[in-house]
């Protein structure tokens, strides 16, 4: 049961970030996004390079999660993005706060599931190989 729930969480995050990343490129190209975006979030992306960098990472991580490759790496790369999404919706735009909370919970569960992959970066004095 735990493995099935982990797969569902992984697929959920993969779809969310792949769709959000592609949606961001529509905004960058001057097209109307197919999913409405938060005006407060878009105000943070006045510089196009930041939008391109974040949306490219979202697409790459979404694909990695969907195809089940390098999942701990994708989770590590998504950490600041998920924190930013949560804080933005907590303080500036509460309209999508529920989705942000679901993202944080899902992400937290996946971090817990893959905790063995992150033990090395939490060592106080890492051993040299």
Protein backbone atom coordinates (compact mmCIF):
# COMPACT_ATOMS: atom_id res chain seq x y z
CA UNK A 1 0.00 0.00 0.00
CA UNK A 2 2.83 2.39 0.86
CA UNK A 3 4.50 1.76 -2.51
CA UNK A 4 1.26 2.45 -4.39
CA UNK A 5 0.71 5.70 -2.47
CA UNK A 6 4.30 6.75 -3.22
CA UNK A 7 3.73 6.08 -6.94
CA UNK A 8 0.54 8.16 -6.89
CA UNK A 9 2.34 11.04 -5.13
CA UNK A 10 5.24 10.85 -7.58
CA UNK A 11 2.91 10.87 -10.59
CA UNK A 12 0.81 13.69 -9.11
CA UNK A 13 3.86 15.91 -8.60
CA UNK A 14 5.21 14.95 -12.02
CA UNK A 15 2.01 15.95 -13.80
CA UNK A 16 1.63 19.17 -11.79
CA UNK A 17 5.16 20.36 -12.54
CA UNK A 18 5.19 19.26 -16.17
CA UNK A 19 1.90 21.07 -16.85
CA UNK A 20 2.95 24.16 -14.84
CA UNK A 21 6.27 24.30 -16.68
CA UNK A 22 4.70 24.06 -20.12
CA UNK A 23 2.06 26.59 -19.09
CA UNK A 24 4.84 29.01 -18.10
CA UNK A 25 6.35 28.82 -21.58
CA UNK A 26 3.04 29.96 -23.05
CA UNK A 27 3.32 33.08 -20.88
CA UNK A 28 6.95 33.59 -21.93
CA UNK A 29 6.05 33.31 -25.61
CA UNK A 30 3.32 35.92 -25.21
CA UNK A 31 0.52 33.39 -25.68
CA UNK A 32 -2.43 32.98 -23.37
CA UNK A 33 -1.65 30.23 -20.83
CA UNK A 34 -4.02 27.27 -20.90
CA UNK A 35 -4.24 27.31 -17.09
CA UNK A 36 -4.78 30.63 -15.34
CA UNK A 37 -1.68 31.86 -13.53
CA UNK A 38 -1.46 33.90 -10.38
CA UNK A 39 -0.90 37.60 -11.18
CA UNK A 40 1.22 37.92 -8.05
CA UNK A 41 3.43 35.06 -9.19
CA UNK A 42 3.80 36.49 -12.68
CA UNK A 43 4.81 39.86 -11.21
CA UNK A 44 7.87 38.13 -9.76
CA UNK A 45 8.92 37.05 -13.24
CA UNK A 46 9.51 40.49 -14.76
CA UNK A 47 12.89 39.24 -15.89
CA UNK A 48 12.35 36.55 -18.52
CA UNK A 49 15.47 34.56 -17.64
CA UNK A 50 14.04 33.74 -14.21
CA UNK A 51 10.80 32.49 -15.75
CA UNK A 52 12.72 30.40 -18.29
CA UNK A 53 15.02 28.91 -15.63
CA UNK A 54 12.21 27.98 -13.24
CA UNK A 55 9.85 26.62 -15.88
CA UNK A 56 12.64 24.60 -17.51
CA UNK A 57 13.46 23.05 -14.13
CA UNK A 58 9.78 22.31 -13.55
CA UNK A 59 9.53 20.55 -16.92
CA UNK A 60 12.72 18.53 -16.39
CA UNK A 61 11.75 17.52 -12.84
CA UNK A 62 8.19 16.73 -13.92
CA UNK A 63 9.49 14.40 -16.63
CA UNK A 64 11.97 12.76 -14.24
CA UNK A 65 9.20 12.12 -11.73
CA UNK A 66 6.86 10.73 -14.40
CA UNK A 67 9.44 8.34 -15.86
CA UNK A 68 10.73 7.40 -12.37
CA UNK A 69 14.37 8.31 -13.00
CA UNK A 70 16.60 10.34 -10.66
CA UNK A 71 13.64 10.93 -8.32
CA UNK A 72 15.79 12.12 -5.37
CA UNK A 73 17.56 14.59 -7.68
CA UNK A 74 14.23 15.89 -8.96
CA UNK A 75 13.01 16.25 -5.36
CA UNK A 76 16.15 18.17 -4.40
CA UNK A 77 15.76 20.53 -7.37
CA UNK A 78 12.08 21.09 -6.59
CA UNK A 79 12.71 22.05 -2.93
CA UNK A 80 13.15 25.80 -3.45
CA UNK A 81 10.39 25.90 -6.07
CA UNK A 82 7.87 24.23 -3.76
CA UNK A 83 8.91 26.45 -0.84
CA UNK A 84 8.47 29.51 -3.06
CA UNK A 85 5.05 28.35 -4.28
CA UNK A 86 3.87 27.72 -0.73
CA UNK A 87 5.15 31.03 0.66
CA UNK A 88 3.80 33.01 -2.29
CA UNK A 89 0.31 31.59 -1.81
CA UNK A 90 0.51 31.88 1.95
CA UNK A 91 1.43 35.58 1.99
CA UNK A 92 0.50 37.12 -1.38
CA UNK A 93 -2.15 35.09 -3.19
CA UNK A 94 -4.22 32.76 -1.01
CA UNK A 95 -6.46 31.74 -3.95
CA UNK A 96 -4.38 28.60 -4.60
CA UNK A 97 -3.23 28.00 -1.03
CA UNK A 98 -5.00 24.63 -0.87
CA UNK A 99 -3.05 23.37 -3.90
CA UNK A 100 0.18 24.68 -2.37
CA UNK A 101 -0.54 22.81 0.89
CA UNK A 102 -1.28 19.62 -1.05
CA UNK A 103 2.03 20.07 -2.93
CA UNK A 104 3.92 20.49 0.35
CA UNK A 105 2.29 17.42 1.91
CA UNK A 106 2.87 15.28 -1.18
CA UNK A 107 6.44 16.50 -1.45
CA UNK A 108 7.03 15.86 2.26
CA UNK A 109 5.76 12.30 1.90
CA UNK A 110 8.09 11.67 -1.03
CA UNK A 111 11.01 13.12 0.94
CA UNK A 112 10.17 10.77 3.78
CA UNK A 113 9.89 7.82 1.40
CA UNK A 114 13.31 8.61 -0.15
CA UNK A 115 14.93 9.66 3.13
CA UNK A 116 17.77 7.15 2.72
CA UNK A 117 18.85 8.95 -0.45
CA UNK A 118 19.35 12.17 1.52
CA UNK A 119 21.14 10.84 4.60
CA UNK A 120 24.56 11.67 3.18
CA UNK A 121 23.89 15.37 2.87
CA UNK A 122 22.82 15.57 6.51
CA UNK A 123 26.08 14.20 7.94
CA UNK A 124 27.84 16.61 10.28
CA UNK A 125 31.29 15.34 9.27
CA UNK A 126 31.04 13.39 6.04
CA UNK A 127 33.55 10.65 5.44
CA UNK A 128 35.87 10.91 2.47
CA UNK A 129 35.83 8.09 -0.03
